[in-house]
PDB file of N, CA and C in Angstrom:
ATOM      1  N   MET A   1       0.880  -1.270   0.049  1.00  0.00           N
ATOM      2  CA  MET A   1      -0.061   0.010   0.011  1.00  0.00           C
ATOM      3  C   MET A   1       0.986   1.302   0.034  1.00  0.00           C
ATOM      4  N   ARG A   2       0.397   2.408  -0.586  1.00  0.00           N
ATOM      5  CA  ARG A   2       1.161   3.536  -0.922  1.00  0.00           C
ATOM      6  C   ARG A   2       0.228   4.610  -0.069  1.00  0.00           C
ATOM      7  N   PRO A   3       0.950   5.616   0.227  1.00  0.00           N
ATOM      8  CA  PRO A   3       0.099   6.708   0.790  1.00  0.00           C
ATOM      9  C   PRO A   3      -0.985   7.358   0.014  1.00  0.00           C
ATOM     10  N   GLU A   4      -0.550   7.044  -1.461  1.00  0.00           N
ATOM     11  CA  GLU A   4      -1.818   7.578  -2.524  1.00  0.00           C
ATOM     12  C   GLU A   4      -2.991   6.700  -2.200  1.00  0.00           C
ATOM     13  N   ASP A   5      -2.688   5.574  -2.085  1.00  0.00           N
ATOM     14  CA  ASP A   5      -3.810   4.516  -1.835  1.00  0.00           C
ATOM     15  C   ASP A   5      -4.999   5.008  -1.079  1.00  0.00           C
ATOM     16  N   LEU A   6      -4.697   5.910   0.196  1.00  0.00           N
ATOM     17  CA  LEU A   6      -5.412   6.255   1.184  1.00  0.00           C
ATOM     18  C   LEU A   6      -6.332   7.176   0.783  1.00  0.00           C
ATOM     19  N   LYS A   7      -6.005   7.835  -0.174  1.00  0.00           N
ATOM     20  CA  LYS A   7      -7.018   8.950  -0.850  1.00  0.00           C
ATOM     21  C   LYS A   7      -8.479   8.496  -1.134  1.00  0.00           C
ATOM     22  N   ASN A   8      -8.490   7.239  -1.544  1.00  0.00           N
ATOM     23  CA  ASN A   8      -9.669   6.609  -1.733  1.00  0.00           C
ATOM     24  C   ASN A   8     -10.637   5.920  -0.644  1.00  0.00           C
ATOM     25  N   ALA A   9      -9.747   6.023   0.470  1.00  0.00           N
ATOM     26  CA  ALA A   9     -10.528   5.376   1.399  1.00  0.00           C
ATOM     27  C   ALA A   9     -11.214   6.341   2.374  1.00  0.00           C
ATOM     28  N   LYS A  10     -12.277   5.831   3.189  1.00  0.00           N
ATOM     29  CA  LYS A  10     -13.161   6.825   3.780  1.00  0.00           C
ATOM     30  C   LYS A  10     -12.430   7.050   5.223  1.00  0.00           C
ATOM     31  N   LEU A  11     -11.540   7.854   5.125  1.00  0.00           N
ATOM     32  CA  LEU A  11     -10.828   8.193   6.343  1.00  0.00           C
ATOM     33  C   LEU A  11     -10.674   9.752   6.472  1.00  0.00           C
ATOM     34  N   SER A  12     -10.913  10.137   7.670  1.00  0.00           N
ATOM     35  CA  SER A  12     -10.664  11.662   8.020  1.00  0.00           C
ATOM     36  C   SER A  12      -9.255  12.147   7.539  1.00  0.00           C
ATOM     37  N   PRO A  13      -9.180  13.364   7.244  1.00  0.00           N
ATOM     38  CA  PRO A  13      -7.904  13.761   6.832  1.00  0.00           C
ATOM     39  C   PRO A  13      -6.714  13.435   7.879  1.00  0.00           C
ATOM     40  N   ALA A  14      -7.262  13.363   9.102  1.00  0.00           N
ATOM     41  CA  ALA A  14      -6.166  13.130  10.064  1.00  0.00           C
ATOM     42  C   ALA A  14      -5.751  11.808  10.218  1.00  0.00           C
ATOM     43  N   THR A  15      -6.714  10.756  10.091  1.00  0.00           N
ATOM     44  CA  THR A  15      -6.364   9.556  10.118  1.00  0.00           C
ATOM     45  C   THR A  15      -5.601   9.216   9.097  1.00  0.00           C
ATOM     46  N   ALA A  16      -5.869   9.626   7.732  1.00  0.00           N
ATOM     47  CA  ALA A  16      -5.352   9.260   6.597  1.00  0.00           C
ATOM     48  C   ALA A  16      -3.827   9.916   6.561  1.00  0.00           C
ATOM     49  N   GLY A  17      -3.833  11.048   6.989  1.00  0.00           N
ATOM     50  CA  GLY A  17      -2.606  11.548   7.314  1.00  0.00           C
ATOM     51  C   GLY A  17      -1.393  10.803   8.158  1.00  0.00           C
ATOM     52  N   TYR A  18      -2.008  10.398   9.321  1.00  0.00           N
ATOM     53  CA  TYR A  18      -1.191   9.448  10.138  1.00  0.00           C
ATOM     54  C   TYR A  18      -0.902   8.021   9.500  1.00  0.00           C
ATOM     55  N   LEU A  19      -1.608   7.422   8.717  1.00  0.00           N
ATOM     56  CA  LEU A  19      -1.335   6.326   8.097  1.00  0.00           C
ATOM     57  C   LEU A  19      -0.500   6.465   7.109  1.00  0.00           C
ATOM     58  N   GLY A  20      -0.562   7.503   6.388  1.00  0.00           N
ATOM     59  CA  GLY A  20       0.467   7.959   5.202  1.00  0.00           C
ATOM     60  C   GLY A  20       1.824   8.327   5.788  1.00  0.00           C
ATOM     61  N   ILE A  21       1.885   8.684   7.072  1.00  0.00           N
ATOM     62  CA  ILE A  21       3.249   8.867   7.539  1.00  0.00           C
ATOM     63  C   ILE A  21       3.783   7.525   8.014  1.00  0.00           C
ATOM     64  N   TYR A  22       3.064   6.696   8.484  1.00  0.00           N
ATOM     65  CA  TYR A  22       3.244   5.322   8.748  1.00  0.00           C
ATOM     66  C   TYR A  22       3.795   4.473   7.785  1.00  0.00           C
ATOM     67  N   LEU A  23       3.070   4.626   6.662  1.00  0.00           N
ATOM     68  CA  LEU A  23       3.761   3.777   5.351  1.00  0.00           C
ATOM     69  C   LEU A  23       4.945   4.557   4.864  1.00  0.00           C
ATOM     70  N   LYS A  24       5.200   5.744   4.992  1.00  0.00           N
ATOM     71  CA  LYS A  24       6.250   6.420   4.565  1.00  0.00           C
ATOM     72  C   LYS A  24       7.470   5.932   5.533  1.00  0.00           C
ATOM     73  N   LEU A  25       7.277   5.716   6.702  1.00  0.00           N
ATOM     74  CA  LEU A  25       8.444   5.139   7.549  1.00  0.00           C
ATOM     75  C   LEU A  25       8.641   3.998   7.362  1.00  0.00           C
ATOM     76  N   SER A  26       7.584   3.347   6.894  1.00  0.00           N
ATOM     77  CA  SER A  26       7.765   1.587   6.670  1.00  0.00           C
ATOM     78  C   SER A  26       8.721   1.445   5.266  1.00  0.00           C
ATOM     79  N   ASP A  27       8.586   2.526   4.338  1.00  0.00           N
ATOM     80  CA  ASP A  27       9.200   2.391   3.020  1.00  0.00           C
ATOM     81  C   ASP A  27      10.682   2.955   3.449  1.00  0.00           C
ATOM     82  N   LEU A  28      10.842   3.985   4.542  1.00  0.00           N
ATOM     83  CA  LEU A  28      12.148   4.266   4.883  1.00  0.00           C
ATOM     84  C   LEU A  28      12.954   3.071   5.328  1.00  0.00           C
ATOM     85  N   LEU A  29      12.474   2.341   6.196  1.00  0.00           N
ATOM     86  CA  LEU A  29      13.180   1.266   6.761  1.00  0.00           C
ATOM     87  C   LEU A  29      13.665   0.218   5.562  1.00  0.00           C
ATOM     88  N   ALA A  30      12.840   0.086   4.578  1.00  0.00           N
ATOM     89  CA  ALA A  30      13.142  -0.640   3.560  1.00  0.00           C
ATOM     90  C   ALA A  30      14.231  -0.068   2.571  1.00  0.00           C
ATOM     91  N   GLU A  31      14.179   1.184   2.405  1.00  0.00           N
ATOM     92  CA  GLU A  31      15.157   1.927   1.597  1.00  0.00           C
ATOM     93  C   GLU A  31      16.435   2.033   2.375  1.00  0.00           C
ATOM     94  N   VAL A  32      16.574   2.117   3.618  1.00  0.00           N
ATOM     95  CA  VAL A  32      17.969   2.067   4.356  1.00  0.00           C
ATOM     96  C   VAL A  32      18.593   0.915   4.287  1.00  0.00           C
ATOM     97  N   SER A  33      17.631  -0.264   4.573  1.00  0.00           N
ATOM     98  CA  SER A  33      18.085  -1.485   4.316  1.00  0.00           C
ATOM     99  C   SER A  33      18.826  -1.787   2.830  1.00  0.00           C
ATOM    100  N   ASP A  34      17.995  -1.475   1.952  1.00  0.00           N
ATOM    101  CA  ASP A  34      18.883  -1.549   0.453  1.00  0.00           C
ATOM    102  C   ASP A  34      19.911  -0.888   0.332  1.00  0.00           C
ATOM    103  N   VAL A  35      20.237   0.342   1.024  1.00  0.00           N
ATOM    104  CA  VAL A  35      21.482   1.083   0.821  1.00  0.00           C
ATOM    105  C   VAL A  35      22.526   0.490   1.581  1.00  0.00           C
ATOM    106  N   THR A  36      22.277  -0.148   2.903  1.00  0.00           N
ATOM    107  CA  THR A  36      23.019  -0.909   3.826  1.00  0.00           C
ATOM    108  C   THR A  36      23.540  -1.962   3.004  1.00  0.00           C
ATOM    109  N   GLU A  37      22.654  -2.758   2.373  1.00  0.00           N
ATOM    110  CA  GLU A  37      23.203  -3.877   1.569  1.00  0.00           C
ATOM    111  C   GLU A  37      24.374  -3.665   0.445  1.00  0.00           C
ATOM    112  N   LEU A  38      24.338  -2.426   0.284  1.00  0.00           N
ATOM    113  CA  LEU A  38      25.400  -2.032  -0.810  1.00  0.00           C
ATOM    114  C   LEU A  38      26.905  -2.283  -0.114  1.00  0.00           C
ATOM    115  N   ASP A  39      26.864  -2.267   1.076  1.00  0.00           N
ATOM    116  CA  ASP A  39      28.195  -2.233   1.686  1.00  0.00           C
ATOM    117  C   ASP A  39      28.462  -3.510   2.770  1.00  0.00           C
ATOM    118  N   TYR A  40      27.306  -4.112   3.101  1.00  0.00           N
ATOM    119  CA  TYR A  40      27.466  -5.163   3.940  1.00  0.00           C
ATOM    120  C   TYR A  40      26.543  -6.261   3.493  1.00  0.00           C
ATOM    121  N   SER A  41      26.967  -7.564   3.986  1.00  0.00           N
ATOM    122  CA  SER A  41      26.152  -8.822   3.550  1.00  0.00           C
ATOM    123  C   SER A  41      24.852  -8.932   3.986  1.00  0.00           C
ATOM    124  N   GLU A  42      23.868  -9.576   3.395  1.00  0.00           N
ATOM    125  CA  GLU A  42      22.414  -9.635   3.830  1.00  0.00           C
ATOM    126  C   GLU A  42      22.224 -10.009   5.232  1.00  0.00           C
ATOM    127  N   THR A  43      23.038 -10.859   5.804  1.00  0.00           N
ATOM    128  CA  THR A  43      22.979 -11.332   7.006  1.00  0.00           C
ATOM    129  C   THR A  43      23.577 -10.213   8.147  1.00  0.00           C
ATOM    130  N   GLU A  44      24.304  -9.081   7.700  1.00  0.00           N
ATOM    131  CA  GLU A  44      24.851  -8.058   8.608  1.00  0.00           C
ATOM    132  C   GLU A  44      23.760  -6.920   8.614  1.00  0.00           C
ATOM    133  N   VAL A  45      23.034  -6.695   7.707  1.00  0.00           N
ATOM    134  CA  VAL A  45      22.102  -5.533   7.492  1.00  0.00           C
ATOM    135  C   VAL A  45      21.339  -5.277   8.611  1.00  0.00           C
ATOM    136  N   ASP A  46      20.709  -6.246   9.253  1.00  0.00           N
ATOM    137  CA  ASP A  46      19.773  -5.874  10.721  1.00  0.00           C
ATOM    138  C   ASP A  46      20.937  -5.453  11.730  1.00  0.00           C
ATOM    139  N   LYS A  47      21.926  -6.018  11.715  1.00  0.00           N
ATOM    140  CA  LYS A  47      22.744  -5.531  12.873  1.00  0.00           C
ATOM    141  C   LYS A  47      23.242  -4.140  12.829  1.00  0.00           C
ATOM    142  N   VAL A  48      23.793  -3.919  11.520  1.00  0.00           N
ATOM    143  CA  VAL A  48      24.412  -2.511  11.363  1.00  0.00           C
ATOM    144  C   VAL A  48      23.134  -1.550  11.262  1.00  0.00           C
ATOM    145  N   ASN A  49      21.778  -1.735  10.951  1.00  0.00           N
ATOM    146  CA  ASN A  49      20.811  -0.850  10.894  1.00  0.00           C
ATOM    147  C   ASN A  49      20.190  -0.830  12.540  1.00  0.00           C
ATOM    148  N   GLU A  50      20.428  -1.678  13.424  1.00  0.00           N
ATOM    149  CA  GLU A  50      19.772  -1.926  14.598  1.00  0.00           C
ATOM    150  C   GLU A  50      19.321  -0.540  15.299  1.00  0.00           C
ATOM    151  N   GLY A  51      20.282   0.273  15.295  1.00  0.00           N
ATOM    152  CA  GLY A  51      19.640   1.539  16.145  1.00  0.00           C
ATOM    153  C   GLY A  51      18.820   2.435  15.165  1.00  0.00           C
ATOM    154  N   PHE A  52      18.935   2.538  14.060  1.00  0.00           N
ATOM    155  CA  PHE A  52      17.994   3.243  13.044  1.00  0.00           C
ATOM    156  C   PHE A  52      16.757   2.522  12.979  1.00  0.00           C
ATOM    157  N   ASN A  53      16.888   1.153  12.957  1.00  0.00           N
ATOM    158  CA  ASN A  53      15.602   0.352  12.857  1.00  0.00           C
ATOM    159  C   ASN A  53      14.755   0.414  14.141  1.00  0.00           C
ATOM    160  N   ASN A  54      15.326   0.433  15.369  1.00  0.00           N
ATOM    161  CA  ASN A  54      14.769   0.636  16.619  1.00  0.00           C
ATOM    162  C   ASN A  54      14.018   2.004  16.595  1.00  0.00           C
ATOM    163  N   ALA A  55      14.770   2.957  16.181  1.00  0.00           N
ATOM    164  CA  ALA A  55      14.207   4.329  16.282  1.00  0.00           C
ATOM    165  C   ALA A  55      13.008   4.524  15.463  1.00  0.00           C
ATOM    166  N   ILE A  56      13.098   3.992  14.153  1.00  0.00           N
ATOM    167  CA  ILE A  56      11.828   4.010  13.309  1.00  0.00           C
ATOM    168  C   ILE A  56      10.553   3.261  13.815  1.00  0.00           C
ATOM    169  N   HIS A  57      10.838   2.227  14.467  1.00  0.00           N
ATOM    170  CA  HIS A  57       9.790   1.384  15.156  1.00  0.00           C
ATOM    171  C   HIS A  57       9.231   1.948  16.142  1.00  0.00           C
ATOM    172  N   VAL A  58       9.982   2.896  16.904  1.00  0.00           N
ATOM    173  CA  VAL A  58       9.389   3.680  18.089  1.00  0.00           C
ATOM    174  C   VAL A  58       8.409   4.938  17.454  1.00  0.00           C
ATOM    175  N   ALA A  59       8.770   5.169  16.333  1.00  0.00           N
ATOM    176  CA  ALA A  59       8.187   6.417  15.643  1.00  0.00           C
ATOM    177  C   ALA A  59       6.880   5.746  15.081  1.00  0.00           C
ATOM    178  N   MET A  60       7.113   4.673  14.332  1.00  0.00           N
ATOM    179  CA  MET A  60       5.878   4.037  13.786  1.00  0.00           C
ATOM    180  C   MET A  60       4.811   3.630  15.025  1.00  0.00           C
ATOM    181  N   GLU A  61       5.336   3.189  16.129  1.00  0.00           N
ATOM    182  CA  GLU A  61       4.234   2.699  17.243  1.00  0.00           C
ATOM    183  C   GLU A  61       3.681   4.053  17.836  1.00  0.00           C
ATOM    184  N   GLU A  62       4.284   5.292  17.672  1.00  0.00           N
ATOM    185  CA  GLU A  62       3.864   6.494  18.222  1.00  0.00           C
ATOM    186  C   GLU A  62       2.849   7.049  17.119  1.00  0.00           C
ATOM    187  N   ILE A  63       3.206   6.965  15.647  1.00  0.00           N
ATOM    188  CA  ILE A  63       2.186   7.565  14.781  1.00  0.00           C
ATOM    189  C   ILE A  63       0.926   6.426  14.893  1.00  0.00           C
ATOM    190  N   MET A  64       1.208   5.325  14.948  1.00  0.00           N
ATOM    191  CA  MET A  64      -0.144   4.379  14.992  1.00  0.00           C
ATOM    192  C   MET A  64      -0.989   4.512  16.128  1.00  0.00           C
ATOM    193  N   LYS A  65      -0.396   5.079  17.209  1.00  0.00           N
ATOM    194  CA  LYS A  65      -1.336   5.417  18.617  1.00  0.00           C
ATOM    195  C   LYS A  65      -2.162   6.759  18.053  1.00  0.00           C
ATOM    196  N   LEU A  66      -1.484   7.679  17.329  1.00  0.00           N
ATOM    197  CA  LEU A  66      -2.153   8.888  17.034  1.00  0.00           C
ATOM    198  C   LEU A  66      -3.089   8.225  15.874  1.00  0.00           C
ATOM    199  N   ALA A  67      -3.023   7.620  15.066  1.00  0.00           N
ATOM    200  CA  ALA A  67      -3.913   7.227  14.025  1.00  0.00           C
ATOM    201  C   ALA A  67      -5.059   6.456  14.901  1.00  0.00           C
ATOM    202  N   THR A  68      -4.900   5.544  15.675  1.00  0.00           N
ATOM    203  CA  THR A  68      -5.820   4.823  16.630  1.00  0.00           C
ATOM    204  C   THR A  68      -6.840   5.962  17.171  1.00  0.00           C
ATOM    205  N   GLN A  69      -6.032   6.855  17.931  1.00  0.00           N
ATOM    206  CA  GLN A  69      -6.735   7.826  18.812  1.00  0.00           C
ATOM    207  C   GLN A  69      -7.632   8.632  17.690  1.00  0.00           C
ATOM    208  N   SER A  70      -7.272   8.970  16.743  1.00  0.00           N
ATOM    209  CA  SER A  70      -8.149   9.715  15.706  1.00  0.00           C
ATOM    210  C   SER A  70      -9.273   8.876  15.196  1.00  0.00           C
ATOM    211  N   ILE A  71      -9.161   7.585  14.942  1.00  0.00           N
ATOM    212  CA  ILE A  71     -10.234   6.919  14.753  1.00  0.00           C
ATOM    213  C   ILE A  71     -11.364   6.611  15.859  1.00  0.00           C
ATOM    214  N   GLU A  72     -10.634   6.416  16.937  1.00  0.00           N
ATOM    215  CA  GLU A  72     -11.531   6.266  18.150  1.00  0.00           C
ATOM    216  C   GLU A  72     -12.166   7.499  18.473  1.00  0.00           C
ATOM    217  N   GLU A  73     -11.809   8.652  18.163  1.00  0.00           N
ATOM    218  CA  GLU A  73     -12.534  10.009  18.223  1.00  0.00           C
ATOM    219  C   GLU A  73     -13.648  10.134  17.416  1.00  0.00           C
ATOM    220  N   LYS A  74     -13.329   9.728  16.084  1.00  0.00           N
ATOM    221  CA  LYS A  74     -14.148   9.879  15.225  1.00  0.00           C
ATOM    222  C   LYS A  74     -15.572   8.793  15.237  1.00  0.00           C
ATOM    223  N   VAL A  75     -14.957   7.523  15.624  1.00  0.00           N
ATOM    224  CA  VAL A  75     -15.973   6.425  15.857  1.00  0.00           C
ATOM    225  C   VAL A  75     -17.033   6.946  16.930  1.00  0.00           C
ATOM    226  N   GLY A  76     -16.397   7.607  17.929  1.00  0.00           N
ATOM    227  CA  GLY A  76     -17.210   7.985  19.329  1.00  0.00           C
ATOM    228  C   GLY A  76     -18.252   9.083  18.959  1.00  0.00           C
ATOM    229  N   SER A  77     -17.900   9.735  17.891  1.00  0.00           N
ATOM    230  CA  SER A  77     -18.729  10.862  17.390  1.00  0.00           C
ATOM    231  C   SER A  77     -19.550  10.754  16.194  1.00  0.00           C
ATOM    232  N   LEU A  78     -19.900   9.286  15.727  1.00  0.00           N
ATOM    233  CA  LEU A  78     -20.274   9.199  14.430  1.00  0.00           C
ATOM    234  C   LEU A  78     -21.720   9.163  14.610  1.00  0.00           C
ATOM    235  N   ASP A  79     -22.472   9.703  13.742  1.00  0.00           N
ATOM    236  CA  ASP A  79     -23.902   9.761  13.537  1.00  0.00           C
ATOM    237  C   ASP A  79     -24.192   9.595  12.133  1.00  0.00           C
ATOM    238  N   ASN A  80     -24.412   8.394  11.606  1.00  0.00           N
ATOM    239  CA  ASN A  80     -24.322   8.084  10.221  1.00  0.00           C
ATOM    240  C   ASN A  80     -23.509   8.724   9.300  1.00  0.00           C
ATOM    241  N   ASN A  81     -22.213   8.795   9.927  1.00  0.00           N
ATOM    242  CA  ASN A  81     -21.120   9.387   8.928  1.00  0.00           C
ATOM    243  C   ASN A  81     -20.353   8.023   8.467  1.00  0.00           C
ATOM    244  N   VAL A  82     -19.918   8.332   7.211  1.00  0.00           N
ATOM    245  CA  VAL A  82     -19.180   7.099   6.554  1.00  0.00           C
ATOM    246  C   VAL A  82     -17.561   7.380   6.644  1.00  0.00           C
ATOM    247  N   GLU A  83     -17.342   8.547   7.189  1.00  0.00           N
ATOM    248  CA  GLU A  83     -15.747   8.810   7.139  1.00  0.00           C
ATOM    249  C   GLU A  83     -15.145   8.839   8.651  1.00  0.00           C
ATOM    250  N   ILE A  84     -14.226   7.975   8.932  1.00  0.00           N
ATOM    251  CA  ILE A  84     -13.445   7.812  10.246  1.00  0.00           C
ATOM    252  C   ILE A  84     -12.174   8.198   9.977  1.00  0.00           C
TER     253      ILE A  84
END
């Protein structure tokens, strides 16, 4: 899934934004891994990127908390609204 795919989903702008950021962070993990593989073997990549990976995973957890909070707030105030 790409951030552009969220444009067709029935999400509030905030929820879509948070999920888009989550997807970008996920893509960044893969991109850094690909670059690291240029200098290190496939088995060493995770070890070399450990600090970066941990930091991004923390950021992804936090952004998912914000997305969940956004969804919960929208669901709590729904009145025949199709947008969460």
